[in-house]
Amino acid sequence: MYYQISFSADGEQVQVMKYTSTQDTPIAVLEEFFREHVQVNPESLKGIGIVRIGE
């Protein structure tokens, strides 16, 4: 499935990325995304959004 993930960390602009995953739930997708592709301190996150945009 295809997702659009947006997030903001301390002092940074909102970043929007498209992401493909085989995970079943949005939480699992976010865990995979941040673990494997984005190195952000979890305490610095100010907001996260996820939208499924296709299969």
PDB file of N, CA and C in Angstrom:
ATOM      1  N   MET A   1       0.834  -1.173   0.000  1.00  0.00           N
ATOM      2  CA  MET A   1       0.000   0.000   0.000  1.00  0.00           C
ATOM      3  C   MET A   1       0.884   1.244   0.000  1.00  0.00           C
ATOM      4  N   TYR A   2       0.339   2.321  -0.517  1.00  0.00           N
ATOM      5  CA  TYR A   2       1.055   3.575  -0.599  1.00  0.00           C
ATOM      6  C   TYR A   2       0.512   4.542   0.445  1.00  0.00           C
ATOM      7  N   TYR A   3       1.432   5.251   1.090  1.00  0.00           N
ATOM      8  CA  TYR A   3       1.066   6.193   2.140  1.00  0.00           C
ATOM      9  C   TYR A   3       1.757   7.526   1.908  1.00  0.00           C
ATOM     10  N   GLN A   4       1.140   8.566   2.406  1.00  0.00           N
ATOM     11  CA  GLN A   4       1.800   9.861   2.515  1.00  0.00           C
ATOM     12  C   GLN A   4       1.990  10.113   4.001  1.00  0.00           C
ATOM     13  N   ILE A   5       3.231  10.332   4.394  1.00  0.00           N
ATOM     14  CA  ILE A   5       3.563  10.544   5.795  1.00  0.00           C
ATOM     15  C   ILE A   5       4.135  11.947   5.939  1.00  0.00           C
ATOM     16  N   SER A   6       3.611  12.683   6.892  1.00  0.00           N
ATOM     17  CA  SER A   6       4.146  14.011   7.178  1.00  0.00           C
ATOM     18  C   SER A   6       4.538  14.072   8.638  1.00  0.00           C
ATOM     19  N   PHE A   7       5.626  14.809   8.907  1.00  0.00           N
ATOM     20  CA  PHE A   7       6.073  14.940  10.292  1.00  0.00           C
ATOM     21  C   PHE A   7       6.880  16.209  10.457  1.00  0.00           C
ATOM     22  N   SER A   8       6.964  16.656  11.694  1.00  0.00           N
ATOM     23  CA  SER A   8       7.727  17.836  12.042  1.00  0.00           C
ATOM     24  C   SER A   8       8.514  17.546  13.314  1.00  0.00           C
ATOM     25  N   ALA A   9       9.766  17.967  13.324  1.00  0.00           N
ATOM     26  CA  ALA A   9      10.609  17.830  14.506  1.00  0.00           C
ATOM     27  C   ALA A   9      11.032  19.231  14.956  1.00  0.00           C
ATOM     28  N   ASP A  10      11.663  19.329  16.103  1.00  0.00           N
ATOM     29  CA  ASP A  10      12.074  20.616  16.666  1.00  0.00           C
ATOM     30  C   ASP A  10      12.724  21.528  15.632  1.00  0.00           C
ATOM     31  N   GLY A  11      12.143  22.691  15.412  1.00  0.00           N
ATOM     32  CA  GLY A  11      12.750  23.710  14.581  1.00  0.00           C
ATOM     33  C   GLY A  11      12.808  23.399  13.099  1.00  0.00           C
ATOM     34  N   GLU A  12      12.193  22.337  12.644  1.00  0.00           N
ATOM     35  CA  GLU A  12      12.239  21.975  11.235  1.00  0.00           C
ATOM     36  C   GLU A  12      10.882  22.225  10.574  1.00  0.00           C
ATOM     37  N   GLN A  13      10.919  22.411   9.262  1.00  0.00           N
ATOM     38  CA  GLN A  13       9.683  22.504   8.506  1.00  0.00           C
ATOM     39  C   GLN A  13       9.038  21.122   8.453  1.00  0.00           C
ATOM     40  N   VAL A  14       7.753  21.104   8.184  1.00  0.00           N
ATOM     41  CA  VAL A  14       7.047  19.831   8.007  1.00  0.00           C
ATOM     42  C   VAL A  14       7.611  19.146   6.769  1.00  0.00           C
ATOM     43  N   GLN A  15       7.941  17.882   6.928  1.00  0.00           N
ATOM     44  CA  GLN A  15       8.431  17.081   5.810  1.00  0.00           C
ATOM     45  C   GLN A  15       7.332  16.119   5.384  1.00  0.00           C
ATOM     46  N   VAL A  16       7.118  16.009   4.085  1.00  0.00           N
ATOM     47  CA  VAL A  16       6.095  15.124   3.540  1.00  0.00           C
ATOM     48  C   VAL A  16       6.791  14.130   2.610  1.00  0.00           C
ATOM     49  N   MET A  17       6.526  12.845   2.840  1.00  0.00           N
ATOM     50  CA  MET A  17       7.160  11.818   2.028  1.00  0.00           C
ATOM     51  C   MET A  17       6.125  10.779   1.614  1.00  0.00           C
ATOM     52  N   LYS A  18       6.313  10.217   0.433  1.00  0.00           N
ATOM     53  CA  LYS A  18       5.498   9.081   0.011  1.00  0.00           C
ATOM     54  C   LYS A  18       6.255   7.822   0.389  1.00  0.00           C
ATOM     55  N   TYR A  19       5.517   6.806   0.807  1.00  0.00           N
ATOM     56  CA  TYR A  19       6.139   5.591   1.334  1.00  0.00           C
ATOM     57  C   TYR A  19       5.291   4.383   0.965  1.00  0.00           C
ATOM     58  N   THR A  20       5.947   3.288   0.621  1.00  0.00           N
ATOM     59  CA  THR A  20       5.271   2.032   0.302  1.00  0.00           C
ATOM     60  C   THR A  20       5.584   1.018   1.385  1.00  0.00           C
ATOM     61  N   SER A  21       4.554   0.303   1.852  1.00  0.00           N
ATOM     62  CA  SER A  21       4.749  -0.686   2.911  1.00  0.00           C
ATOM     63  C   SER A  21       3.768  -1.840   2.746  1.00  0.00           C
ATOM     64  N   THR A  22       4.153  -2.979   3.267  1.00  0.00           N
ATOM     65  CA  THR A  22       3.258  -4.143   3.292  1.00  0.00           C
ATOM     66  C   THR A  22       2.643  -4.350   4.670  1.00  0.00           C
ATOM     67  N   GLN A  23       2.926  -3.450   5.608  1.00  0.00           N
ATOM     68  CA  GLN A  23       2.369  -3.554   6.956  1.00  0.00           C
ATOM     69  C   GLN A  23       0.848  -3.388   6.910  1.00  0.00           C
ATOM     70  N   ASP A  24       0.166  -3.962   7.915  1.00  0.00           N
ATOM     71  CA  ASP A  24      -1.299  -3.963   7.925  1.00  0.00           C
ATOM     72  C   ASP A  24      -1.940  -2.752   8.586  1.00  0.00           C
ATOM     73  N   THR A  25      -1.246  -2.101   9.510  1.00  0.00           N
ATOM     74  CA  THR A  25      -1.854  -0.994  10.256  1.00  0.00           C
ATOM     75  C   THR A  25      -1.019   0.274  10.123  1.00  0.00           C
ATOM     76  N   PRO A  26      -1.644   1.440  10.242  1.00  0.00           N
ATOM     77  CA  PRO A  26      -0.890   2.693  10.169  1.00  0.00           C
ATOM     78  C   PRO A  26       0.219   2.789  11.225  1.00  0.00           C
ATOM     79  N   ILE A  27      -0.030   2.291  12.423  1.00  0.00           N
ATOM     80  CA  ILE A  27       0.999   2.334  13.472  1.00  0.00           C
ATOM     81  C   ILE A  27       2.218   1.511  13.056  1.00  0.00           C
ATOM     82  N   ALA A  28       1.987   0.320  12.510  1.00  0.00           N
ATOM     83  CA  ALA A  28       3.089  -0.532  12.055  1.00  0.00           C
ATOM     84  C   ALA A  28       3.854   0.139  10.914  1.00  0.00           C
ATOM     85  N   VAL A  29       3.139   0.819  10.031  1.00  0.00           N
ATOM     86  CA  VAL A  29       3.787   1.538   8.934  1.00  0.00           C
ATOM     87  C   VAL A  29       4.694   2.637   9.491  1.00  0.00           C
ATOM     88  N   LEU A  30       4.181   3.419  10.447  1.00  0.00           N
ATOM     89  CA  LEU A  30       4.989   4.490  11.034  1.00  0.00           C
ATOM     90  C   LEU A  30       6.212   3.941  11.763  1.00  0.00           C
ATOM     91  N   GLU A  31       6.039   2.854  12.507  1.00  0.00           N
ATOM     92  CA  GLU A  31       7.181   2.253  13.201  1.00  0.00           C
ATOM     93  C   GLU A  31       8.253   1.837  12.204  1.00  0.00           C
ATOM     94  N   GLU A  32       7.850   1.173  11.127  1.00  0.00           N
ATOM     95  CA  GLU A  32       8.794   0.748  10.098  1.00  0.00           C
ATOM     96  C   GLU A  32       9.467   1.953   9.449  1.00  0.00           C
ATOM     97  N   PHE A  33       8.681   2.955   9.095  1.00  0.00           N
ATOM     98  CA  PHE A  33       9.190   4.150   8.422  1.00  0.00           C
ATOM     99  C   PHE A  33      10.265   4.844   9.261  1.00  0.00           C
ATOM    100  N   PHE A  34       9.975   5.094  10.522  1.00  0.00           N
ATOM    101  CA  PHE A  34      10.936   5.807  11.357  1.00  0.00           C
ATOM    102  C   PHE A  34      12.127   4.934  11.729  1.00  0.00           C
ATOM    103  N   ARG A  35      11.928   3.653  11.894  1.00  0.00           N
ATOM    104  CA  ARG A  35      13.034   2.748  12.239  1.00  0.00           C
ATOM    105  C   ARG A  35      14.016   2.599  11.077  1.00  0.00           C
ATOM    106  N   GLU A  36      13.509   2.492   9.856  1.00  0.00           N
ATOM    107  CA  GLU A  36      14.357   2.145   8.720  1.00  0.00           C
ATOM    108  C   GLU A  36      14.775   3.311   7.834  1.00  0.00           C
ATOM    109  N   HIS A  37      14.034   4.428   7.855  1.00  0.00           N
ATOM    110  CA  HIS A  37      14.287   5.457   6.850  1.00  0.00           C
ATOM    111  C   HIS A  37      14.543   6.866   7.388  1.00  0.00           C
ATOM    112  N   VAL A  38      14.130   7.147   8.583  1.00  0.00           N
ATOM    113  CA  VAL A  38      14.277   8.508   9.102  1.00  0.00           C
ATOM    114  C   VAL A  38      14.893   8.442  10.490  1.00  0.00           C
ATOM    115  N   GLN A  39      15.992   9.131  10.660  1.00  0.00           N
ATOM    116  CA  GLN A  39      16.652   9.157  11.963  1.00  0.00           C
ATOM    117  C   GLN A  39      16.252  10.435  12.705  1.00  0.00           C
ATOM    118  N   VAL A  40      15.202  10.332  13.502  1.00  0.00           N
ATOM    119  CA  VAL A  40      14.688  11.458  14.272  1.00  0.00           C
ATOM    120  C   VAL A  40      14.544  11.017  15.715  1.00  0.00           C
ATOM    121  N   ASN A  41      14.959  11.867  16.621  1.00  0.00           N
ATOM    122  CA  ASN A  41      14.752  11.599  18.037  1.00  0.00           C
ATOM    123  C   ASN A  41      13.241  11.663  18.302  1.00  0.00           C
ATOM    124  N   PRO A  42      12.636  10.581  18.792  1.00  0.00           N
ATOM    125  CA  PRO A  42      11.180  10.565  19.016  1.00  0.00           C
ATOM    126  C   PRO A  42      10.690  11.702  19.908  1.00  0.00           C
ATOM    127  N   GLU A  43      11.522  12.154  20.841  1.00  0.00           N
ATOM    128  CA  GLU A  43      11.116  13.232  21.737  1.00  0.00           C
ATOM    129  C   GLU A  43      11.048  14.582  21.024  1.00  0.00           C
ATOM    130  N   SER A  44      11.692  14.687  19.862  1.00  0.00           N
ATOM    131  CA  SER A  44      11.683  15.963  19.134  1.00  0.00           C
ATOM    132  C   SER A  44      10.510  16.088  18.172  1.00  0.00           C
ATOM    133  N   LEU A  45       9.751  15.009  17.956  1.00  0.00           N
ATOM    134  CA  LEU A  45       8.623  15.063  17.038  1.00  0.00           C
ATOM    135  C   LEU A  45       7.510  15.944  17.598  1.00  0.00           C
ATOM    136  N   LYS A  46       7.005  16.827  16.749  1.00  0.00           N
ATOM    137  CA  LYS A  46       5.920  17.726  17.151  1.00  0.00           C
ATOM    138  C   LYS A  46       4.586  17.335  16.527  1.00  0.00           C
ATOM    139  N   GLY A  47       4.636  16.545  15.486  1.00  0.00           N
ATOM    140  CA  GLY A  47       3.407  16.116  14.839  1.00  0.00           C
ATOM    141  C   GLY A  47       3.700  15.074  13.785  1.00  0.00           C
ATOM    142  N   ILE A  48       2.770  14.137  13.614  1.00  0.00           N
ATOM    143  CA  ILE A  48       2.896  13.088  12.611  1.00  0.00           C
ATOM    144  C   ILE A  48       1.528  12.906  11.956  1.00  0.00           C
ATOM    145  N   GLY A  49       1.529  12.766  10.651  1.00  0.00           N
ATOM    146  CA  GLY A  49       0.292  12.454   9.937  1.00  0.00           C
ATOM    147  C   GLY A  49       0.548  11.331   8.952  1.00  0.00           C
ATOM    148  N   ILE A  50      -0.448  10.493   8.751  1.00  0.00           N
ATOM    149  CA  ILE A  50      -0.328   9.408   7.782  1.00  0.00           C
ATOM    150  C   ILE A  50      -1.670   9.252   7.059  1.00  0.00           C
ATOM    151  N   VAL A  51      -1.598   9.149   5.729  1.00  0.00           N
ATOM    152  CA  VAL A  51      -2.777   8.982   4.899  1.00  0.00           C
ATOM    153  C   VAL A  51      -2.483   7.883   3.883  1.00  0.00           C
ATOM    154  N   ARG A  52      -3.388   6.923   3.768  1.00  0.00           N
ATOM    155  CA  ARG A  52      -3.242   5.898   2.742  1.00  0.00           C
ATOM    156  C   ARG A  52      -3.690   6.491   1.418  1.00  0.00           C
ATOM    157  N   ILE A  53      -2.831   6.420   0.392  1.00  0.00           N
ATOM    158  CA  ILE A  53      -3.151   7.068  -0.875  1.00  0.00           C
ATOM    159  C   ILE A  53      -3.312   6.074  -2.024  1.00  0.00           C
ATOM    160  N   GLY A  54      -3.241   4.793  -1.752  1.00  0.00           N
ATOM    161  CA  GLY A  54      -3.448   3.808  -2.807  1.00  0.00           C
ATOM    162  C   GLY A  54      -2.971   2.432  -2.413  1.00  0.00           C
ATOM    163  N   GLU A  55      -3.187   1.481  -3.327  1.00  0.00           N
ATOM    164  CA  GLU A  55      -2.753   0.109  -3.079  1.00  0.00           C
ATOM    165  C   GLU A  55      -1.721  -0.307  -4.080  1.00  0.00           C
TER     166      GLU A  55
END
